Amino acid sequence: QGINAEYMGIMKAHSVGIPSSIIRPGYIVGHSKNGVTNTDDFLWRLIKGCVQLGYVPRMKNAVNMCPVDYVSRCILRVAQRQESFGKVFHMANPHSFSFDNFFSQLSVYGWPVQSVDYLEWRDRLMKHAGTEQDSALFPLLHFVLDDLPTRSRAPLLSASNTQEAIEGTDIICPQIAKVMGLYLSNLVKAGFLPPPTNQGERSLPIVTGVA
C-alpha cells in the first residue's frame, strides 16, 4: 500500500512537470566523522536498554545502518542528476553488519553485558520493565517483546541505482564497526549512556564538540 502510494505520488508529480524520485535509506545514524547522533532513536534506545538490563539478545539479522553524512551526500547527488528522476534509490551499507555485531560492541568497549537467546532476554526485560519503569525500552516494549528478531528482519533490496549514482565520486559508506566507538563515546558524553565499567578490547575514543 505504501509502495503504491509512493509510485502514485511520483506519477502525479511527473504529470504536472515536477521531477521526483523515491529514496529509501535504512537506519540513519550519526555523523561518521564526529559521532554526533540522535539519542531518541530505536537503535540507541535498544543499546541503552541492554546496558540497563545487563544482557543483549542473540540476533543474526542484518542491520542496515547508514551514517547521516553518507545519506545526505547520496540524496544531494541523486537530486542533481536528471537521469535519477522516476527511479527508486535504496541506500544500503555495503559492509555486512548484524545485530549480533551491533550488540557485541558493548563488550568490546567495556560494558558488562551478557549475550543470551532472545527468549531469555525477552523474559528478563519483561521482569525488569515490571519493576523499573525508567528502562530506555519501556516506550517500545510492544515492539521489542513481540518477536523482535522477526519484526526487525528487513528484506534484501538492491542499492544498484544508488551505487550507480555515486560511482566516480568520493561518496563512500563507512563500516559501522569502525565508527561505533565514536557513537558510543558521544552517547556517554551526552549522558545518555553510563561510562563502561570494564576494561574492554578497545577504549572509547575521545570526542570533542557538541554531543
N, C-alpha and C. Protein backbone atom coordinates (compact mmCIF):
# COMPACT_ATOMS: atom_id res chain seq x y z
N GLN A 1 0.82 -1.19 0.00
CA GLN A 1 0.00 0.00 0.00
C GLN A 1 0.87 1.25 0.00
N GLY A 2 1.89 1.25 0.91
CA GLY A 2 2.79 2.40 0.99
C GLY A 2 3.59 2.58 -0.29
N ILE A 3 4.06 1.43 -0.85
CA ILE A 3 4.85 1.49 -2.09
C ILE A 3 4.00 2.01 -3.23
N ASN A 4 2.74 1.53 -3.34
CA ASN A 4 1.85 2.01 -4.39
C ASN A 4 1.62 3.51 -4.27
N ALA A 5 1.47 3.97 -3.03
CA ALA A 5 1.25 5.40 -2.80
C ALA A 5 2.47 6.20 -3.26
N GLU A 6 3.66 5.64 -3.01
CA GLU A 6 4.88 6.32 -3.46
C GLU A 6 4.90 6.47 -4.97
N TYR A 7 4.61 5.37 -5.68
CA TYR A 7 4.63 5.42 -7.14
C TYR A 7 3.53 6.32 -7.68
N MET A 8 2.38 6.30 -7.04
CA MET A 8 1.29 7.19 -7.47
C MET A 8 1.70 8.64 -7.30
N GLY A 9 2.44 8.90 -6.20
CA GLY A 9 2.92 10.26 -5.97
C GLY A 9 3.90 10.70 -7.04
N ILE A 10 4.79 9.79 -7.43
CA ILE A 10 5.76 10.11 -8.49
C ILE A 10 5.04 10.36 -9.81
N MET A 11 4.08 9.50 -10.13
CA MET A 11 3.35 9.67 -11.39
C MET A 11 2.60 10.99 -11.42
N LYS A 12 2.01 11.34 -10.28
CA LYS A 12 1.27 12.60 -10.22
C LYS A 12 2.22 13.78 -10.37
N ALA A 13 3.39 13.68 -9.73
CA ALA A 13 4.38 14.76 -9.84
C ALA A 13 4.85 14.92 -11.27
N HIS A 14 5.10 13.80 -11.94
CA HIS A 14 5.54 13.86 -13.34
C HIS A 14 4.47 14.47 -14.23
N SER A 15 3.20 14.16 -13.91
CA SER A 15 2.11 14.64 -14.77
C SER A 15 1.98 16.16 -14.74
N VAL A 16 2.49 16.77 -13.67
CA VAL A 16 2.44 18.24 -13.59
C VAL A 16 3.83 18.87 -13.77
N GLY A 17 4.78 18.04 -14.25
CA GLY A 17 6.09 18.56 -14.59
C GLY A 17 7.06 18.70 -13.44
N ILE A 18 6.81 18.00 -12.34
CA ILE A 18 7.73 18.06 -11.20
C ILE A 18 8.61 16.82 -11.19
N PRO A 19 9.91 16.95 -11.40
CA PRO A 19 10.80 15.79 -11.38
C PRO A 19 10.89 15.23 -9.95
N SER A 20 10.83 13.92 -9.81
CA SER A 20 10.86 13.32 -8.48
C SER A 20 11.43 11.92 -8.53
N SER A 21 11.90 11.49 -7.37
CA SER A 21 12.44 10.13 -7.20
C SER A 21 12.04 9.64 -5.82
N ILE A 22 12.20 8.34 -5.58
CA ILE A 22 11.96 7.75 -4.27
C ILE A 22 13.30 7.36 -3.67
N ILE A 23 13.55 7.80 -2.46
CA ILE A 23 14.78 7.47 -1.76
C ILE A 23 14.43 6.74 -0.48
N ARG A 24 14.98 5.56 -0.28
CA ARG A 24 14.69 4.75 0.90
C ARG A 24 16.00 4.39 1.62
N PRO A 25 16.35 5.13 2.65
CA PRO A 25 17.53 4.77 3.45
C PRO A 25 17.17 3.70 4.47
N GLY A 26 18.19 3.11 5.09
CA GLY A 26 17.94 2.18 6.18
C GLY A 26 17.86 2.96 7.47
N TYR A 27 18.48 2.43 8.54
CA TYR A 27 18.57 3.18 9.79
C TYR A 27 19.59 4.30 9.61
N ILE A 28 19.16 5.54 9.73
CA ILE A 28 20.08 6.67 9.62
C ILE A 28 20.66 6.94 11.00
N VAL A 29 21.97 6.82 11.12
CA VAL A 29 22.63 7.04 12.40
C VAL A 29 23.53 8.27 12.32
N GLY A 30 24.34 8.50 13.35
CA GLY A 30 25.08 9.75 13.48
C GLY A 30 26.14 9.99 12.41
N HIS A 31 26.76 11.15 12.54
CA HIS A 31 27.81 11.56 11.61
C HIS A 31 29.04 10.67 11.80
N SER A 32 29.60 10.23 10.71
CA SER A 32 30.72 9.28 10.78
C SER A 32 32.05 9.93 11.17
N LYS A 33 32.11 11.27 11.11
CA LYS A 33 33.37 11.94 11.44
C LYS A 33 33.44 12.39 12.90
N ASN A 34 32.30 12.84 13.45
CA ASN A 34 32.33 13.31 14.84
C ASN A 34 31.48 12.46 15.78
N GLY A 35 30.70 11.54 15.22
CA GLY A 35 29.93 10.62 16.05
C GLY A 35 28.66 11.19 16.66
N VAL A 36 28.35 12.45 16.40
CA VAL A 36 27.15 13.05 16.97
C VAL A 36 25.92 12.35 16.40
N THR A 37 25.04 11.89 17.29
CA THR A 37 23.89 11.09 16.85
C THR A 37 22.67 11.43 17.68
N ASN A 38 21.51 11.07 17.18
CA ASN A 38 20.24 11.33 17.85
C ASN A 38 20.00 10.28 18.93
N THR A 39 19.81 10.73 20.18
CA THR A 39 19.59 9.76 21.27
C THR A 39 18.17 9.20 21.25
N ASP A 40 17.21 9.94 20.71
CA ASP A 40 15.83 9.46 20.67
C ASP A 40 15.63 8.62 19.41
N ASP A 41 16.26 7.48 19.41
CA ASP A 41 16.34 6.63 18.21
C ASP A 41 16.21 5.18 18.66
N PHE A 42 15.52 4.38 17.87
CA PHE A 42 15.25 2.99 18.26
C PHE A 42 16.54 2.22 18.57
N LEU A 43 17.53 2.31 17.70
CA LEU A 43 18.74 1.51 17.88
C LEU A 43 19.48 1.89 19.15
N TRP A 44 19.57 3.20 19.42
CA TRP A 44 20.31 3.61 20.62
C TRP A 44 19.50 3.36 21.89
N ARG A 45 18.19 3.43 21.81
CA ARG A 45 17.36 3.02 22.95
C ARG A 45 17.56 1.53 23.23
N LEU A 46 17.69 0.77 22.16
CA LEU A 46 17.93 -0.66 22.30
C LEU A 46 19.26 -0.91 23.00
N ILE A 47 20.28 -0.17 22.61
CA ILE A 47 21.60 -0.29 23.25
C ILE A 47 21.52 0.10 24.73
N LYS A 48 20.87 1.22 25.02
CA LYS A 48 20.78 1.67 26.40
C LYS A 48 19.98 0.68 27.25
N GLY A 49 18.89 0.17 26.68
CA GLY A 49 18.08 -0.81 27.41
C GLY A 49 18.88 -2.06 27.74
N CYS A 50 19.75 -2.47 26.83
CA CYS A 50 20.58 -3.65 27.07
C CYS A 50 21.63 -3.37 28.15
N VAL A 51 22.18 -2.17 28.15
CA VAL A 51 23.14 -1.80 29.19
C VAL A 51 22.45 -1.80 30.56
N GLN A 52 21.24 -1.25 30.62
CA GLN A 52 20.50 -1.21 31.88
C GLN A 52 20.16 -2.62 32.36
N LEU A 53 19.85 -3.50 31.42
CA LEU A 53 19.46 -4.86 31.75
C LEU A 53 20.67 -5.74 32.06
N GLY A 54 21.80 -5.46 31.40
CA GLY A 54 23.00 -6.27 31.57
C GLY A 54 23.04 -7.48 30.64
N TYR A 55 22.10 -7.51 29.70
CA TYR A 55 22.02 -8.63 28.75
C TYR A 55 21.70 -8.10 27.36
N VAL A 56 22.20 -8.81 26.35
CA VAL A 56 21.88 -8.49 24.96
C VAL A 56 21.31 -9.76 24.30
N PRO A 57 20.36 -9.58 23.37
CA PRO A 57 19.79 -10.75 22.69
C PRO A 57 20.64 -11.20 21.51
N ARG A 58 20.69 -12.50 21.29
CA ARG A 58 21.38 -13.01 20.10
C ARG A 58 20.45 -12.85 18.91
N MET A 59 20.90 -12.09 17.92
CA MET A 59 20.10 -11.83 16.72
C MET A 59 21.03 -11.76 15.52
N LYS A 60 20.87 -12.70 14.61
CA LYS A 60 21.75 -12.77 13.45
C LYS A 60 21.30 -11.87 12.31
N ASN A 61 20.14 -11.25 12.44
CA ASN A 61 19.62 -10.39 11.37
C ASN A 61 20.61 -9.30 10.99
N ALA A 62 20.67 -9.00 9.72
CA ALA A 62 21.47 -7.86 9.28
C ALA A 62 20.78 -6.57 9.71
N VAL A 63 21.57 -5.57 10.06
CA VAL A 63 21.02 -4.25 10.40
C VAL A 63 21.67 -3.23 9.47
N ASN A 64 20.85 -2.56 8.70
CA ASN A 64 21.34 -1.64 7.67
C ASN A 64 21.46 -0.24 8.26
N MET A 65 22.66 0.09 8.74
CA MET A 65 22.91 1.38 9.37
C MET A 65 23.77 2.24 8.44
N CYS A 66 23.26 3.43 8.14
CA CYS A 66 24.00 4.34 7.26
C CYS A 66 24.20 5.67 7.97
N PRO A 67 25.45 6.15 8.08
CA PRO A 67 25.71 7.45 8.69
C PRO A 67 24.99 8.57 7.95
N VAL A 68 24.55 9.58 8.71
CA VAL A 68 23.75 10.65 8.14
C VAL A 68 24.51 11.43 7.09
N ASP A 69 25.83 11.57 7.24
CA ASP A 69 26.59 12.33 6.25
C ASP A 69 26.64 11.58 4.92
N TYR A 70 26.70 10.24 4.98
CA TYR A 70 26.65 9.45 3.74
C TYR A 70 25.29 9.59 3.07
N VAL A 71 24.23 9.47 3.86
CA VAL A 71 22.87 9.56 3.31
C VAL A 71 22.62 10.92 2.68
N SER A 72 23.02 11.98 3.37
CA SER A 72 22.77 13.33 2.85
C SER A 72 23.53 13.59 1.56
N ARG A 73 24.76 13.09 1.47
CA ARG A 73 25.54 13.28 0.24
C ARG A 73 24.94 12.48 -0.91
N CYS A 74 24.43 11.28 -0.60
CA CYS A 74 23.77 10.48 -1.65
C CYS A 74 22.52 11.17 -2.16
N ILE A 75 21.73 11.71 -1.25
CA ILE A 75 20.50 12.40 -1.64
C ILE A 75 20.82 13.60 -2.54
N LEU A 76 21.83 14.36 -2.15
CA LEU A 76 22.22 15.52 -2.95
C LEU A 76 22.68 15.09 -4.34
N ARG A 77 23.44 14.02 -4.41
CA ARG A 77 23.93 13.52 -5.69
C ARG A 77 22.76 13.06 -6.57
N VAL A 78 21.84 12.32 -5.98
CA VAL A 78 20.67 11.83 -6.74
C VAL A 78 19.87 13.02 -7.27
N ALA A 79 19.66 14.03 -6.41
CA ALA A 79 18.84 15.17 -6.80
C ALA A 79 19.47 15.99 -7.92
N GLN A 80 20.78 15.92 -8.06
CA GLN A 80 21.48 16.71 -9.07
C GLN A 80 21.52 16.06 -10.44
N ARG A 81 21.07 14.80 -10.53
CA ARG A 81 21.18 14.07 -11.79
C ARG A 81 19.81 13.92 -12.44
N GLN A 82 19.68 14.39 -13.66
CA GLN A 82 18.39 14.31 -14.35
C GLN A 82 17.97 12.86 -14.56
N GLU A 83 18.98 11.98 -14.75
CA GLU A 83 18.65 10.58 -15.01
C GLU A 83 18.11 9.86 -13.77
N SER A 84 18.11 10.54 -12.63
CA SER A 84 17.59 9.94 -11.40
C SER A 84 16.07 9.99 -11.33
N PHE A 85 15.47 10.90 -12.05
CA PHE A 85 14.05 11.13 -11.90
C PHE A 85 13.23 9.90 -12.30
N GLY A 86 12.26 9.58 -11.45
CA GLY A 86 11.39 8.44 -11.71
C GLY A 86 11.91 7.12 -11.21
N LYS A 87 13.11 7.12 -10.58
CA LYS A 87 13.71 5.88 -10.10
C LYS A 87 13.60 5.76 -8.58
N VAL A 88 13.84 4.53 -8.11
CA VAL A 88 13.85 4.26 -6.67
C VAL A 88 15.30 4.04 -6.24
N PHE A 89 15.70 4.69 -5.16
CA PHE A 89 17.07 4.59 -4.67
C PHE A 89 17.07 4.05 -3.24
N HIS A 90 17.46 2.77 -3.12
CA HIS A 90 17.65 2.18 -1.81
C HIS A 90 19.07 2.49 -1.35
N MET A 91 19.21 2.80 -0.08
CA MET A 91 20.55 3.05 0.47
C MET A 91 20.87 1.93 1.45
N ALA A 92 21.88 1.17 1.10
CA ALA A 92 22.28 0.03 1.93
C ALA A 92 23.77 0.11 2.20
N ASN A 93 24.12 -0.08 3.46
CA ASN A 93 25.54 -0.12 3.80
C ASN A 93 26.13 -1.39 3.19
N PRO A 94 27.13 -1.29 2.32
CA PRO A 94 27.66 -2.48 1.65
C PRO A 94 28.48 -3.39 2.56
N HIS A 95 28.80 -2.91 3.76
CA HIS A 95 29.61 -3.69 4.70
C HIS A 95 28.68 -4.48 5.63
N SER A 96 28.79 -5.78 5.58
CA SER A 96 27.91 -6.65 6.36
C SER A 96 28.01 -6.34 7.86
N PHE A 97 26.84 -6.18 8.50
CA PHE A 97 26.80 -5.85 9.93
C PHE A 97 25.47 -6.37 10.47
N SER A 98 25.56 -7.20 11.50
CA SER A 98 24.35 -7.82 12.07
C SER A 98 24.03 -7.21 13.43
N PHE A 99 22.84 -7.53 13.94
CA PHE A 99 22.50 -7.11 15.30
C PHE A 99 23.48 -7.73 16.30
N ASP A 100 23.93 -8.95 16.04
CA ASP A 100 24.94 -9.56 16.92
C ASP A 100 26.22 -8.71 16.94
N ASN A 101 26.64 -8.25 15.76
CA ASN A 101 27.80 -7.35 15.69
C ASN A 101 27.55 -6.05 16.44
N PHE A 102 26.34 -5.54 16.27
CA PHE A 102 25.94 -4.28 16.91
C PHE A 102 26.03 -4.40 18.44
N PHE A 103 25.41 -5.44 18.98
CA PHE A 103 25.40 -5.61 20.43
C PHE A 103 26.79 -5.95 20.97
N SER A 104 27.59 -6.65 20.19
CA SER A 104 28.91 -7.06 20.67
C SER A 104 29.82 -5.87 20.93
N GLN A 105 29.51 -4.73 20.31
CA GLN A 105 30.33 -3.54 20.52
C GLN A 105 30.30 -3.08 21.98
N LEU A 106 29.23 -3.40 22.70
CA LEU A 106 29.17 -3.03 24.11
C LEU A 106 30.28 -3.72 24.90
N SER A 107 30.44 -5.00 24.70
CA SER A 107 31.51 -5.73 25.38
C SER A 107 32.88 -5.28 24.91
N VAL A 108 33.00 -5.02 23.62
CA VAL A 108 34.28 -4.59 23.06
C VAL A 108 34.77 -3.33 23.75
N TYR A 109 33.84 -2.42 24.08
CA TYR A 109 34.23 -1.15 24.70
C TYR A 109 34.07 -1.13 26.22
N GLY A 110 33.78 -2.30 26.81
CA GLY A 110 33.86 -2.39 28.27
C GLY A 110 32.57 -2.37 29.05
N TRP A 111 31.42 -2.45 28.39
CA TRP A 111 30.18 -2.55 29.17
C TRP A 111 29.94 -4.00 29.56
N PRO A 112 29.58 -4.26 30.81
CA PRO A 112 29.39 -5.64 31.28
C PRO A 112 28.02 -6.18 30.89
N VAL A 113 27.92 -6.74 29.70
CA VAL A 113 26.67 -7.34 29.23
C VAL A 113 26.93 -8.79 28.82
N GLN A 114 25.90 -9.57 28.97
CA GLN A 114 26.00 -11.00 28.64
C GLN A 114 25.05 -11.31 27.48
N SER A 115 25.52 -12.08 26.52
CA SER A 115 24.71 -12.46 25.37
C SER A 115 23.88 -13.70 25.69
N VAL A 116 22.57 -13.61 25.46
CA VAL A 116 21.66 -14.73 25.73
C VAL A 116 20.69 -14.88 24.57
N ASP A 117 20.00 -16.02 24.51
CA ASP A 117 18.99 -16.21 23.48
C ASP A 117 17.89 -15.15 23.63
N TYR A 118 17.26 -14.83 22.51
CA TYR A 118 16.24 -13.78 22.52
C TYR A 118 15.15 -14.04 23.55
N LEU A 119 14.65 -15.27 23.64
CA LEU A 119 13.54 -15.56 24.55
C LEU A 119 13.94 -15.30 26.00
N GLU A 120 15.17 -15.66 26.36
CA GLU A 120 15.63 -15.38 27.73
C GLU A 120 15.76 -13.87 27.93
N TRP A 121 16.30 -13.18 26.94
CA TRP A 121 16.43 -11.73 27.03
C TRP A 121 15.06 -11.08 27.19
N ARG A 122 14.08 -11.56 26.42
CA ARG A 122 12.73 -11.00 26.50
C ARG A 122 12.13 -11.21 27.89
N ASP A 123 12.32 -12.41 28.45
CA ASP A 123 11.79 -12.68 29.79
C ASP A 123 12.45 -11.78 30.83
N ARG A 124 13.74 -11.59 30.71
CA ARG A 124 14.45 -10.73 31.66
C ARG A 124 14.00 -9.28 31.52
N LEU A 125 13.77 -8.85 30.28
CA LEU A 125 13.31 -7.48 30.05
C LEU A 125 11.91 -7.29 30.62
N MET A 126 11.04 -8.27 30.46
CA MET A 126 9.69 -8.17 31.00
C MET A 126 9.72 -8.00 32.52
N LYS A 127 10.56 -8.78 33.19
CA LYS A 127 10.66 -8.68 34.64
C LYS A 127 11.25 -7.33 35.04
N HIS A 128 12.27 -6.90 34.30
CA HIS A 128 12.92 -5.62 34.60
C HIS A 128 11.95 -4.47 34.41
N ALA A 129 11.21 -4.49 33.30
CA ALA A 129 10.28 -3.41 33.00
C ALA A 129 9.12 -3.37 33.99
N GLY A 130 8.83 -4.51 34.60
CA GLY A 130 7.75 -4.55 35.57
C GLY A 130 8.10 -3.86 36.87
N THR A 131 9.38 -3.71 37.13
CA THR A 131 9.82 -3.09 38.38
C THR A 131 10.56 -1.78 38.17
N GLU A 132 11.13 -1.61 36.98
CA GLU A 132 11.93 -0.41 36.68
C GLU A 132 11.37 0.29 35.45
N GLN A 133 10.53 1.29 35.66
CA GLN A 133 9.91 1.96 34.53
C GLN A 133 10.81 3.02 33.88
N ASP A 134 12.05 3.12 34.37
CA ASP A 134 12.98 4.05 33.73
C ASP A 134 13.77 3.39 32.61
N SER A 135 13.40 2.14 32.28
CA SER A 135 14.09 1.45 31.19
C SER A 135 13.95 2.24 29.89
N ALA A 136 15.05 2.37 29.16
CA ALA A 136 15.01 3.08 27.88
C ALA A 136 14.07 2.41 26.90
N LEU A 137 13.79 1.13 27.13
CA LEU A 137 12.94 0.38 26.21
C LEU A 137 11.47 0.37 26.64
N PHE A 138 11.17 1.02 27.76
CA PHE A 138 9.79 1.00 28.25
C PHE A 138 8.79 1.49 27.21
N PRO A 139 9.08 2.61 26.49
CA PRO A 139 8.11 3.07 25.48
C PRO A 139 8.01 2.14 24.27
N LEU A 140 8.95 1.21 24.13
CA LEU A 140 8.99 0.34 22.94
C LEU A 140 8.72 -1.12 23.26
N LEU A 141 8.21 -1.39 24.47
CA LEU A 141 8.00 -2.78 24.88
C LEU A 141 7.11 -3.55 23.92
N HIS A 142 6.08 -2.88 23.40
CA HIS A 142 5.15 -3.56 22.48
C HIS A 142 5.88 -4.08 21.25
N PHE A 143 6.97 -3.42 20.88
CA PHE A 143 7.72 -3.83 19.69
C PHE A 143 8.79 -4.86 20.03
N VAL A 144 9.60 -4.59 21.05
CA VAL A 144 10.74 -5.45 21.33
C VAL A 144 10.33 -6.78 21.96
N LEU A 145 9.15 -6.83 22.58
CA LEU A 145 8.71 -8.08 23.21
C LEU A 145 7.93 -8.96 22.24
N ASP A 146 7.59 -8.42 21.08
CA ASP A 146 6.77 -9.17 20.12
C ASP A 146 7.64 -9.71 19.00
N ASP A 147 8.45 -10.72 19.34
CA ASP A 147 9.31 -11.39 18.35
C ASP A 147 10.19 -10.40 17.61
N LEU A 148 11.05 -9.73 18.35
CA LEU A 148 11.95 -8.73 17.76
C LEU A 148 12.80 -9.26 16.61
N PRO A 149 13.36 -10.50 16.71
CA PRO A 149 14.17 -10.98 15.58
C PRO A 149 13.41 -11.03 14.26
N THR A 150 12.10 -11.37 14.33
CA THR A 150 11.31 -11.42 13.10
C THR A 150 10.90 -10.03 12.65
N ARG A 151 10.49 -9.19 13.59
CA ARG A 151 10.00 -7.86 13.24
C ARG A 151 11.11 -6.94 12.75
N SER A 152 12.34 -7.24 13.13
CA SER A 152 13.46 -6.39 12.70
C SER A 152 14.16 -6.94 11.47
N ARG A 153 13.62 -8.02 10.90
CA ARG A 153 14.23 -8.60 9.71
C ARG A 153 13.81 -7.79 8.48
N ALA A 154 14.77 -7.25 7.79
CA ALA A 154 14.48 -6.42 6.63
C ALA A 154 14.73 -7.21 5.34
N PRO A 155 13.95 -6.95 4.29
CA PRO A 155 14.18 -7.62 3.02
C PRO A 155 15.47 -7.15 2.38
N LEU A 156 16.06 -8.03 1.58
CA LEU A 156 17.26 -7.64 0.84
C LEU A 156 16.84 -6.81 -0.38
N LEU A 157 17.30 -5.58 -0.43
CA LEU A 157 16.93 -4.67 -1.50
C LEU A 157 18.16 -4.26 -2.30
N SER A 158 17.97 -4.06 -3.56
CA SER A 158 19.09 -3.69 -4.42
C SER A 158 19.39 -2.19 -4.29
N ALA A 159 20.65 -1.90 -4.03
CA ALA A 159 21.09 -0.50 -3.96
C ALA A 159 21.83 -0.11 -5.23
N SER A 160 21.58 -0.84 -6.33
CA SER A 160 22.33 -0.62 -7.56
C SER A 160 22.12 0.79 -8.12
N ASN A 161 20.91 1.33 -8.01
CA ASN A 161 20.68 2.68 -8.52
C ASN A 161 21.49 3.71 -7.75
N THR A 162 21.57 3.53 -6.44
CA THR A 162 22.35 4.44 -5.61
C THR A 162 23.83 4.31 -5.93
N GLN A 163 24.30 3.07 -6.05
CA GLN A 163 25.71 2.86 -6.36
C GLN A 163 26.08 3.45 -7.72
N GLU A 164 25.16 3.33 -8.67
CA GLU A 164 25.41 3.90 -9.99
C GLU A 164 25.49 5.43 -9.90
N ALA A 165 24.62 6.02 -9.07
CA ALA A 165 24.57 7.48 -8.95
C ALA A 165 25.85 8.04 -8.34
N ILE A 166 26.45 7.31 -7.40
CA ILE A 166 27.64 7.85 -6.71
C ILE A 166 28.94 7.31 -7.30
N GLU A 167 28.84 6.49 -8.34
CA GLU A 167 30.05 5.96 -8.97
C GLU A 167 30.92 7.10 -9.50
N GLY A 168 32.21 6.99 -9.23
CA GLY A 168 33.14 8.01 -9.70
C GLY A 168 33.25 9.21 -8.78
N THR A 169 32.53 9.17 -7.63
CA THR A 169 32.63 10.25 -6.65
C THR A 169 33.41 9.74 -5.43
N ASP A 170 33.60 10.62 -4.46
CA ASP A 170 34.28 10.20 -3.23
C ASP A 170 33.27 9.86 -2.13
N ILE A 171 32.02 9.61 -2.51
CA ILE A 171 30.98 9.25 -1.54
C ILE A 171 31.10 7.77 -1.21
N ILE A 172 31.51 7.47 0.00
CA ILE A 172 31.72 6.08 0.43
C ILE A 172 31.01 5.86 1.77
N CYS A 173 30.32 4.76 1.89
CA CYS A 173 29.64 4.44 3.15
C CYS A 173 30.64 3.77 4.11
N PRO A 174 30.86 4.34 5.28
CA PRO A 174 31.83 3.76 6.22
C PRO A 174 31.35 2.44 6.81
N GLN A 175 32.29 1.63 7.26
CA GLN A 175 31.94 0.43 8.00
C GLN A 175 31.48 0.84 9.39
N ILE A 176 30.30 0.37 9.77
CA ILE A 176 29.74 0.78 11.06
C ILE A 176 30.63 0.33 12.22
N ALA A 177 31.25 -0.84 12.10
CA ALA A 177 32.12 -1.32 13.19
C ALA A 177 33.24 -0.33 13.47
N LYS A 178 33.65 0.42 12.45
CA LYS A 178 34.76 1.36 12.63
C LYS A 178 34.34 2.69 13.22
N VAL A 179 33.04 2.97 13.24
CA VAL A 179 32.58 4.24 13.81
C VAL A 179 31.71 4.05 15.05
N MET A 180 31.46 2.80 15.44
CA MET A 180 30.64 2.56 16.63
C MET A 180 31.25 3.19 17.87
N GLY A 181 32.57 3.16 17.99
CA GLY A 181 33.22 3.76 19.14
C GLY A 181 32.89 5.24 19.27
N LEU A 182 32.88 5.95 18.14
CA LEU A 182 32.54 7.37 18.15
C LEU A 182 31.10 7.58 18.62
N TYR A 183 30.19 6.76 18.11
CA TYR A 183 28.79 6.90 18.51
C TYR A 183 28.63 6.65 20.01
N LEU A 184 29.21 5.56 20.49
CA LEU A 184 29.08 5.22 21.91
C LEU A 184 29.73 6.28 22.79
N SER A 185 30.87 6.80 22.36
CA SER A 185 31.55 7.83 23.13
C SER A 185 30.69 9.09 23.24
N ASN A 186 30.04 9.47 22.16
CA ASN A 186 29.16 10.63 22.19
C ASN A 186 27.94 10.39 23.06
N LEU A 187 27.43 9.17 23.06
CA LEU A 187 26.27 8.86 23.89
C LEU A 187 26.63 8.93 25.37
N VAL A 188 27.87 8.56 25.70
CA VAL A 188 28.35 8.71 27.08
C VAL A 188 28.51 10.19 27.41
N LYS A 189 29.12 10.93 26.50
CA LYS A 189 29.34 12.36 26.73
C LYS A 189 28.03 13.11 26.91
N ALA A 190 27.01 12.69 26.18
CA ALA A 190 25.70 13.34 26.27
C ALA A 190 24.94 12.93 27.53
N GLY A 191 25.46 11.95 28.29
CA GLY A 191 24.78 11.49 29.48
C GLY A 191 23.70 10.46 29.20
N PHE A 192 23.62 10.02 27.95
CA PHE A 192 22.60 9.03 27.57
C PHE A 192 23.00 7.64 28.04
N LEU A 193 24.29 7.32 27.95
CA LEU A 193 24.81 6.04 28.42
C LEU A 193 25.75 6.27 29.60
N PRO A 194 25.75 5.32 30.55
CA PRO A 194 26.77 5.41 31.60
C PRO A 194 28.12 4.99 31.03
N PRO A 195 29.21 5.47 31.58
CA PRO A 195 30.52 5.05 31.08
C PRO A 195 30.72 3.55 31.30
N PRO A 196 31.48 2.88 30.44
CA PRO A 196 31.75 1.45 30.65
C PRO A 196 32.55 1.25 31.92
N THR A 197 32.29 0.13 32.59
CA THR A 197 32.96 -0.14 33.87
C THR A 197 34.05 -1.20 33.77
N ASN A 198 34.13 -1.89 32.66
CA ASN A 198 35.15 -2.91 32.48
C ASN A 198 36.24 -2.43 31.53
N GLN A 199 37.34 -3.13 31.56
CA GLN A 199 38.40 -2.89 30.58
C GLN A 199 38.08 -3.68 29.32
N GLY A 200 37.70 -3.01 28.27
CA GLY A 200 37.33 -3.69 27.04
C GLY A 200 38.52 -3.92 26.13
N GLU A 201 38.25 -4.56 24.99
CA GLU A 201 39.30 -4.75 23.98
C GLU A 201 39.78 -3.40 23.45
N ARG A 202 38.88 -2.42 23.43
CA ARG A 202 39.21 -1.09 22.94
C ARG A 202 38.73 -0.05 23.93
N SER A 203 39.38 1.10 23.89
CA SER A 203 38.95 2.24 24.71
C SER A 203 38.10 3.16 23.85
N LEU A 204 37.11 3.78 24.46
CA LEU A 204 36.30 4.73 23.72
C LEU A 204 37.15 5.89 23.25
N PRO A 205 36.99 6.33 22.01
CA PRO A 205 37.75 7.48 21.53
C PRO A 205 37.31 8.75 22.24
N ILE A 206 38.21 9.70 22.35
CA ILE A 206 37.87 10.99 22.94
C ILE A 206 37.19 11.84 21.87
N VAL A 207 36.03 12.38 22.22
CA VAL A 207 35.30 13.21 21.25
C VAL A 207 35.29 14.64 21.75
N THR A 208 35.24 15.55 20.80
CA THR A 208 35.18 16.97 21.11
C THR A 208 33.98 17.58 20.44
N GLY A 209 33.63 18.78 20.82
CA GLY A 209 32.49 19.44 20.19
C GLY A 209 31.21 19.11 20.90
N VAL A 210 30.10 19.47 20.24
CA VAL A 210 28.78 19.29 20.83
C VAL A 210 28.38 17.84 20.76
N ALA A 211 27.89 17.28 21.85
CA ALA A 211 27.42 15.88 21.88
C ALA A 211 25.94 15.83 21.62
